[in-house]
């Protein structure tokens, strides 16, 4: 789990979703805004919808997989291009059916591995996109 200061507040999430500045990359949607100039780190939060699974155990496992990838690769500490961002990560609504079918028969380890691999692909694409925008 990320430390408190590296997680988004509810107020930030509401602001980001209303501003509608997002990128759809693979299985994930990334809502993002630039970080305040005095904060020298990225902030993250994620949400997994109940449509994926009625079981909170499965949803929390998926959230933990995303957050563990963020911690392992220290995405919080490094800027994208020259600035830091706030990110709210959700699963793509268009791909919910595919995700649900795929993970239904996976054991826990395979589900975590699948989510981390897909997140890595999506993160790299987002990183390229934000680098080109400036």
N, C-alpha and C. Protein backbone atom coordinates (compact mmCIF):
# COMPACT_ATOMS: atom_id res chain seq x y z
N UNK A 1 0.83 -1.17 0.00
CA UNK A 1 0.00 0.00 0.00
C UNK A 1 0.88 1.24 0.00
N UNK A 2 0.44 2.22 -0.72
CA UNK A 2 1.19 3.48 -0.80
C UNK A 2 1.02 4.29 0.48
N UNK A 3 2.05 5.05 0.85
CA UNK A 3 1.91 5.95 2.00
C UNK A 3 0.80 6.99 1.74
N UNK A 4 0.26 7.51 2.81
CA UNK A 4 -0.87 8.43 2.74
C UNK A 4 -0.63 9.61 1.80
N UNK A 5 0.54 10.21 1.86
CA UNK A 5 0.80 11.40 1.05
C UNK A 5 0.91 11.08 -0.44
N UNK A 6 1.11 9.81 -0.80
CA UNK A 6 1.23 9.42 -2.21
C UNK A 6 -0.09 8.92 -2.78
N UNK A 7 -1.14 8.93 -1.95
CA UNK A 7 -2.48 8.55 -2.42
C UNK A 7 -3.32 9.80 -2.63
N UNK A 8 -4.28 9.69 -3.53
CA UNK A 8 -5.17 10.82 -3.80
C UNK A 8 -6.27 10.90 -2.76
N UNK A 9 -6.78 12.09 -2.55
CA UNK A 9 -7.93 12.29 -1.68
C UNK A 9 -9.20 12.19 -2.51
N UNK A 10 -10.32 12.04 -1.87
CA UNK A 10 -11.60 12.00 -2.57
C UNK A 10 -11.87 13.27 -3.35
N UNK A 11 -11.45 14.39 -2.78
CA UNK A 11 -11.63 15.69 -3.43
C UNK A 11 -10.86 15.75 -4.75
N UNK A 12 -9.63 15.23 -4.75
CA UNK A 12 -8.82 15.19 -5.98
C UNK A 12 -9.48 14.32 -7.04
N UNK A 13 -9.99 13.18 -6.63
CA UNK A 13 -10.61 12.24 -7.57
C UNK A 13 -11.84 12.85 -8.21
N UNK A 14 -12.67 13.51 -7.42
CA UNK A 14 -13.87 14.16 -7.96
C UNK A 14 -13.48 15.24 -8.96
N UNK A 15 -12.47 16.04 -8.61
CA UNK A 15 -12.02 17.09 -9.51
C UNK A 15 -11.50 16.51 -10.83
N UNK A 16 -10.70 15.45 -10.74
CA UNK A 16 -10.10 14.85 -11.94
C UNK A 16 -11.15 14.23 -12.85
N UNK A 17 -12.13 13.56 -12.28
CA UNK A 17 -13.16 12.92 -13.12
C UNK A 17 -14.08 13.97 -13.75
N UNK A 18 -14.29 15.09 -13.08
CA UNK A 18 -15.11 16.16 -13.67
C UNK A 18 -14.35 16.91 -14.77
N UNK A 19 -13.05 17.04 -14.60
CA UNK A 19 -12.26 17.74 -15.60
C UNK A 19 -12.17 16.93 -16.90
N UNK A 20 -12.29 15.62 -16.79
CA UNK A 20 -12.34 14.70 -17.95
C UNK A 20 -11.07 14.74 -18.79
N UNK A 21 -9.94 14.90 -18.18
CA UNK A 21 -8.67 14.81 -18.89
C UNK A 21 -8.16 13.40 -18.63
N UNK A 22 -8.33 12.53 -19.63
CA UNK A 22 -7.95 11.15 -19.42
C UNK A 22 -7.37 10.54 -20.69
N UNK A 23 -6.72 9.39 -20.49
CA UNK A 23 -6.16 8.63 -21.61
C UNK A 23 -6.62 7.19 -21.44
N UNK A 24 -7.16 6.62 -22.48
CA UNK A 24 -7.57 5.22 -22.46
C UNK A 24 -6.46 4.40 -23.08
N UNK A 25 -5.80 3.60 -22.27
CA UNK A 25 -4.67 2.80 -22.72
C UNK A 25 -4.91 1.34 -22.33
N UNK A 26 -5.18 0.49 -23.30
CA UNK A 26 -5.37 -0.93 -23.02
C UNK A 26 -6.56 -1.17 -22.11
N UNK A 27 -6.34 -1.88 -21.02
CA UNK A 27 -7.41 -2.20 -20.07
C UNK A 27 -7.76 -1.05 -19.14
N UNK A 28 -6.97 0.00 -19.14
CA UNK A 28 -7.12 1.03 -18.12
C UNK A 28 -7.42 2.40 -18.69
N UNK A 29 -8.12 3.18 -17.90
CA UNK A 29 -8.30 4.61 -18.14
C UNK A 29 -7.48 5.32 -17.08
N UNK A 30 -6.73 6.31 -17.50
CA UNK A 30 -5.93 7.11 -16.58
C UNK A 30 -6.47 8.53 -16.60
N UNK A 31 -7.10 8.93 -15.51
CA UNK A 31 -7.47 10.34 -15.33
C UNK A 31 -6.24 10.99 -14.72
N UNK A 32 -5.85 12.16 -15.21
CA UNK A 32 -4.64 12.77 -14.71
C UNK A 32 -4.71 14.29 -14.75
N UNK A 33 -3.96 14.89 -13.86
CA UNK A 33 -3.73 16.33 -13.85
C UNK A 33 -2.30 16.54 -13.36
N UNK A 34 -1.75 17.71 -13.66
CA UNK A 34 -0.38 18.00 -13.19
C UNK A 34 -0.40 18.20 -11.68
N UNK A 35 0.69 17.76 -11.07
CA UNK A 35 0.86 17.88 -9.63
C UNK A 35 1.14 19.34 -9.26
N UNK A 36 0.83 19.72 -8.04
CA UNK A 36 1.17 21.04 -7.54
C UNK A 36 2.68 21.24 -7.62
N UNK A 37 3.14 22.44 -7.93
CA UNK A 37 4.59 22.66 -8.13
C UNK A 37 5.45 22.36 -6.90
N UNK A 38 4.90 22.51 -5.70
CA UNK A 38 5.70 22.28 -4.50
C UNK A 38 5.79 20.80 -4.11
N UNK A 39 5.02 19.92 -4.74
CA UNK A 39 5.08 18.48 -4.44
C UNK A 39 5.92 17.79 -5.50
N UNK A 40 6.96 17.12 -5.09
CA UNK A 40 7.91 16.49 -6.01
C UNK A 40 7.73 14.97 -6.05
N UNK A 41 6.51 14.54 -6.25
CA UNK A 41 6.22 13.12 -6.42
C UNK A 41 4.87 12.97 -7.12
N UNK A 42 4.67 11.81 -7.72
CA UNK A 42 3.38 11.49 -8.33
C UNK A 42 2.45 10.95 -7.26
N UNK A 43 1.14 11.09 -7.49
CA UNK A 43 0.15 10.51 -6.58
C UNK A 43 -0.75 9.59 -7.39
N UNK A 44 -1.18 8.48 -6.76
CA UNK A 44 -1.98 7.49 -7.44
C UNK A 44 -3.17 7.07 -6.60
N UNK A 45 -4.20 6.64 -7.29
CA UNK A 45 -5.33 5.97 -6.67
C UNK A 45 -5.98 5.13 -7.76
N UNK A 46 -6.67 4.06 -7.36
CA UNK A 46 -7.31 3.21 -8.36
C UNK A 46 -8.68 2.78 -7.88
N UNK A 47 -9.49 2.35 -8.84
CA UNK A 47 -10.84 1.87 -8.55
C UNK A 47 -11.14 0.69 -9.46
N UNK A 48 -11.67 -0.38 -8.86
CA UNK A 48 -12.12 -1.54 -9.63
C UNK A 48 -13.61 -1.67 -9.39
N UNK A 49 -14.38 -1.63 -10.46
CA UNK A 49 -15.83 -1.61 -10.37
C UNK A 49 -16.40 -2.96 -9.92
N UNK A 50 -17.57 -2.90 -9.34
CA UNK A 50 -18.26 -4.09 -8.87
C UNK A 50 -18.72 -4.96 -10.05
N UNK A 51 -18.73 -4.39 -11.24
CA UNK A 51 -19.14 -5.15 -12.42
C UNK A 51 -18.14 -6.25 -12.76
N UNK A 52 -16.90 -6.11 -12.32
CA UNK A 52 -15.89 -7.14 -12.54
C UNK A 52 -16.22 -8.37 -11.71
N UNK A 53 -16.51 -8.16 -10.44
CA UNK A 53 -16.83 -9.27 -9.55
C UNK A 53 -17.62 -8.72 -8.37
N UNK A 54 -18.59 -9.48 -7.95
CA UNK A 54 -19.36 -9.09 -6.77
C UNK A 54 -18.53 -9.29 -5.51
N UNK A 55 -17.50 -10.12 -5.60
CA UNK A 55 -16.66 -10.41 -4.44
C UNK A 55 -15.61 -9.32 -4.25
N UNK A 56 -15.64 -8.71 -3.08
CA UNK A 56 -14.68 -7.65 -2.81
C UNK A 56 -13.25 -8.19 -2.76
N UNK A 57 -13.10 -9.47 -2.44
CA UNK A 57 -11.77 -10.08 -2.39
C UNK A 57 -11.08 -9.97 -3.75
N UNK A 58 -11.83 -10.24 -4.81
CA UNK A 58 -11.28 -10.18 -6.17
C UNK A 58 -10.95 -8.74 -6.55
N UNK A 59 -11.84 -7.81 -6.24
CA UNK A 59 -11.60 -6.41 -6.58
C UNK A 59 -10.39 -5.86 -5.83
N UNK A 60 -10.28 -6.18 -4.55
CA UNK A 60 -9.14 -5.70 -3.77
C UNK A 60 -7.83 -6.33 -4.25
N UNK A 61 -7.91 -7.57 -4.68
CA UNK A 61 -6.72 -8.24 -5.20
C UNK A 61 -6.22 -7.51 -6.45
N UNK A 62 -7.16 -7.09 -7.30
CA UNK A 62 -6.79 -6.37 -8.52
C UNK A 62 -6.20 -4.99 -8.18
N UNK A 63 -6.80 -4.30 -7.22
CA UNK A 63 -6.27 -3.00 -6.80
C UNK A 63 -4.87 -3.15 -6.22
N UNK A 64 -4.68 -4.19 -5.42
CA UNK A 64 -3.37 -4.43 -4.83
C UNK A 64 -2.32 -4.75 -5.89
N UNK A 65 -2.74 -5.46 -6.94
CA UNK A 65 -1.81 -5.78 -8.04
C UNK A 65 -1.34 -4.49 -8.71
N UNK A 66 -2.26 -3.57 -8.95
CA UNK A 66 -1.90 -2.29 -9.57
C UNK A 66 -0.97 -1.50 -8.65
N UNK A 67 -1.35 -1.39 -7.40
CA UNK A 67 -0.55 -0.60 -6.46
C UNK A 67 0.81 -1.25 -6.18
N UNK A 68 0.88 -2.58 -6.18
CA UNK A 68 2.18 -3.22 -5.97
C UNK A 68 3.11 -2.97 -7.15
N UNK A 69 2.54 -2.94 -8.37
CA UNK A 69 3.36 -2.60 -9.53
C UNK A 69 3.91 -1.18 -9.40
N UNK A 70 3.07 -0.27 -8.97
CA UNK A 70 3.49 1.13 -8.79
C UNK A 70 4.62 1.21 -7.76
N UNK A 71 4.49 0.47 -6.66
CA UNK A 71 5.53 0.51 -5.63
C UNK A 71 6.81 -0.17 -6.07
N UNK A 72 6.69 -1.33 -6.73
CA UNK A 72 7.88 -2.07 -7.17
C UNK A 72 8.73 -1.25 -8.12
N UNK A 73 8.09 -0.54 -9.02
CA UNK A 73 8.81 0.20 -10.04
C UNK A 73 8.97 1.67 -9.69
N UNK A 74 8.71 2.00 -8.45
CA UNK A 74 8.88 3.36 -7.91
C UNK A 74 8.38 4.44 -8.87
N UNK A 75 7.17 4.27 -9.37
CA UNK A 75 6.58 5.25 -10.27
C UNK A 75 6.25 6.56 -9.57
N UNK A 76 6.18 6.51 -8.25
CA UNK A 76 5.84 7.69 -7.47
C UNK A 76 6.98 8.72 -7.51
N UNK A 77 8.22 8.23 -7.51
CA UNK A 77 9.37 9.12 -7.33
C UNK A 77 9.84 9.82 -8.60
N UNK A 78 9.58 9.25 -9.76
CA UNK A 78 10.16 9.76 -10.99
C UNK A 78 9.16 10.58 -11.80
N UNK A 79 9.59 11.75 -12.26
CA UNK A 79 8.68 12.59 -13.06
C UNK A 79 8.49 12.01 -14.46
N UNK A 80 7.36 12.36 -15.06
CA UNK A 80 7.11 12.03 -16.45
C UNK A 80 7.48 13.29 -17.21
N UNK A 81 8.37 13.18 -18.11
CA UNK A 81 9.02 14.31 -18.77
C UNK A 81 9.64 15.18 -17.68
N UNK A 82 9.15 16.38 -17.48
CA UNK A 82 9.75 17.27 -16.48
C UNK A 82 8.82 17.56 -15.31
N UNK A 83 7.63 16.98 -15.31
CA UNK A 83 6.70 17.31 -14.23
C UNK A 83 6.09 16.05 -13.62
N UNK A 84 5.52 16.24 -12.44
CA UNK A 84 4.85 15.16 -11.73
C UNK A 84 3.35 15.28 -11.96
N UNK A 85 2.63 14.17 -11.79
CA UNK A 85 1.19 14.13 -12.05
C UNK A 85 0.44 13.45 -10.91
N UNK A 86 -0.88 13.65 -10.93
CA UNK A 86 -1.81 12.90 -10.10
C UNK A 86 -2.56 11.97 -11.03
N UNK A 87 -2.67 10.69 -10.68
CA UNK A 87 -3.33 9.70 -11.53
C UNK A 87 -4.44 8.98 -10.78
N UNK A 88 -5.58 8.87 -11.44
CA UNK A 88 -6.66 8.03 -10.94
C UNK A 88 -6.88 6.95 -11.99
N UNK A 89 -6.74 5.69 -11.60
CA UNK A 89 -6.73 4.57 -12.53
C UNK A 89 -8.01 3.77 -12.37
N UNK A 90 -8.72 3.56 -13.48
CA UNK A 90 -9.92 2.71 -13.49
C UNK A 90 -9.83 1.74 -14.65
N UNK A 91 -10.59 0.67 -14.55
CA UNK A 91 -10.64 -0.28 -15.66
C UNK A 91 -11.52 0.27 -16.77
N UNK A 92 -11.13 0.03 -17.99
CA UNK A 92 -11.86 0.53 -19.15
C UNK A 92 -13.24 -0.11 -19.23
N UNK A 93 -14.28 0.70 -19.36
CA UNK A 93 -15.65 0.19 -19.43
C UNK A 93 -15.88 -0.66 -20.67
N UNK A 94 -15.15 -0.34 -21.74
CA UNK A 94 -15.31 -1.08 -22.99
C UNK A 94 -14.78 -2.51 -22.88
N UNK A 95 -13.84 -2.73 -22.00
CA UNK A 95 -13.18 -4.03 -21.91
C UNK A 95 -13.59 -4.84 -20.69
N UNK A 96 -14.59 -4.40 -19.94
CA UNK A 96 -15.00 -5.11 -18.72
C UNK A 96 -15.37 -6.56 -18.98
N UNK A 97 -16.12 -6.79 -20.04
CA UNK A 97 -16.57 -8.14 -20.36
C UNK A 97 -15.37 -9.06 -20.62
N UNK A 98 -14.39 -8.58 -21.37
CA UNK A 98 -13.19 -9.37 -21.66
C UNK A 98 -12.42 -9.71 -20.39
N UNK A 99 -12.26 -8.71 -19.54
CA UNK A 99 -11.51 -8.91 -18.30
C UNK A 99 -12.22 -9.92 -17.42
N UNK A 100 -13.53 -9.75 -17.29
CA UNK A 100 -14.32 -10.64 -16.44
C UNK A 100 -14.21 -12.09 -16.91
N UNK A 101 -14.30 -12.30 -18.21
CA UNK A 101 -14.20 -13.66 -18.75
C UNK A 101 -12.80 -14.24 -18.53
N UNK A 102 -11.78 -13.43 -18.74
CA UNK A 102 -10.41 -13.91 -18.62
C UNK A 102 -10.05 -14.31 -17.21
N UNK A 103 -10.39 -13.47 -16.25
CA UNK A 103 -9.95 -13.76 -14.88
C UNK A 103 -10.87 -14.73 -14.14
N UNK A 104 -12.01 -15.07 -14.74
CA UNK A 104 -12.96 -15.96 -14.06
C UNK A 104 -12.34 -17.32 -13.74
N UNK A 105 -11.52 -17.83 -14.62
CA UNK A 105 -10.96 -19.16 -14.42
C UNK A 105 -9.50 -19.15 -13.99
N UNK A 106 -8.94 -17.96 -13.80
CA UNK A 106 -7.54 -17.86 -13.37
C UNK A 106 -7.41 -18.12 -11.88
N UNK A 107 -6.34 -18.80 -11.46
CA UNK A 107 -6.02 -18.81 -10.03
C UNK A 107 -5.52 -17.42 -9.60
N UNK A 108 -5.42 -17.20 -8.32
CA UNK A 108 -5.08 -15.89 -7.78
C UNK A 108 -3.75 -15.36 -8.33
N UNK A 109 -2.71 -16.18 -8.34
CA UNK A 109 -1.40 -15.73 -8.82
C UNK A 109 -1.44 -15.31 -10.27
N UNK A 110 -2.16 -16.05 -11.09
CA UNK A 110 -2.25 -15.73 -12.51
C UNK A 110 -3.04 -14.44 -12.74
N UNK A 111 -4.07 -14.22 -11.93
CA UNK A 111 -4.85 -12.99 -12.05
C UNK A 111 -3.96 -11.78 -11.73
N UNK A 112 -3.19 -11.87 -10.66
CA UNK A 112 -2.29 -10.78 -10.27
C UNK A 112 -1.27 -10.53 -11.37
N UNK A 113 -0.69 -11.61 -11.89
CA UNK A 113 0.32 -11.49 -12.94
C UNK A 113 -0.28 -10.85 -14.20
N UNK A 114 -1.49 -11.26 -14.57
CA UNK A 114 -2.17 -10.73 -15.75
C UNK A 114 -2.43 -9.23 -15.60
N UNK A 115 -2.95 -8.83 -14.45
CA UNK A 115 -3.24 -7.41 -14.20
C UNK A 115 -1.95 -6.59 -14.23
N UNK A 116 -0.89 -7.08 -13.60
CA UNK A 116 0.38 -6.36 -13.60
C UNK A 116 0.95 -6.22 -15.01
N UNK A 117 0.86 -7.27 -15.81
CA UNK A 117 1.37 -7.20 -17.18
C UNK A 117 0.58 -6.20 -18.02
N UNK A 118 -0.74 -6.25 -17.90
CA UNK A 118 -1.57 -5.31 -18.65
C UNK A 118 -1.35 -3.88 -18.19
N UNK A 119 -1.17 -3.70 -16.87
CA UNK A 119 -0.91 -2.36 -16.36
C UNK A 119 0.43 -1.84 -16.87
N UNK A 120 1.42 -2.70 -16.92
CA UNK A 120 2.73 -2.29 -17.43
C UNK A 120 2.64 -1.82 -18.88
N UNK A 121 1.93 -2.55 -19.72
CA UNK A 121 1.75 -2.16 -21.11
C UNK A 121 1.04 -0.80 -21.20
N UNK A 122 -0.03 -0.67 -20.44
CA UNK A 122 -0.81 0.57 -20.46
C UNK A 122 0.01 1.75 -19.95
N UNK A 123 0.79 1.51 -18.90
CA UNK A 123 1.60 2.58 -18.32
C UNK A 123 2.64 3.07 -19.31
N UNK A 124 3.27 2.16 -20.03
CA UNK A 124 4.28 2.56 -21.01
C UNK A 124 3.66 3.40 -22.12
N UNK A 125 2.47 3.01 -22.58
CA UNK A 125 1.79 3.79 -23.62
C UNK A 125 1.40 5.17 -23.11
N UNK A 126 0.91 5.23 -21.89
CA UNK A 126 0.54 6.52 -21.30
C UNK A 126 1.78 7.41 -21.14
N UNK A 127 2.86 6.84 -20.69
CA UNK A 127 4.10 7.57 -20.52
C UNK A 127 4.56 8.18 -21.84
N UNK A 128 4.47 7.40 -22.92
CA UNK A 128 4.84 7.91 -24.24
C UNK A 128 3.93 9.04 -24.67
N UNK A 129 2.64 8.88 -24.39
CA UNK A 129 1.67 9.91 -24.77
C UNK A 129 1.92 11.22 -24.02
N UNK A 130 2.13 11.13 -22.72
CA UNK A 130 2.37 12.33 -21.93
C UNK A 130 3.70 12.98 -22.29
N UNK A 131 4.67 12.18 -22.68
CA UNK A 131 5.96 12.73 -23.10
C UNK A 131 5.84 13.52 -24.39
N UNK A 132 4.95 13.06 -25.27
CA UNK A 132 4.79 13.75 -26.55
C UNK A 132 3.92 15.00 -26.46
N UNK A 133 3.06 15.09 -25.44
CA UNK A 133 2.17 16.25 -25.29
C UNK A 133 2.91 17.49 -24.87
N UNK A 134 3.60 17.40 -23.75
CA UNK A 134 4.31 18.54 -23.12
C UNK A 134 3.48 19.75 -23.14
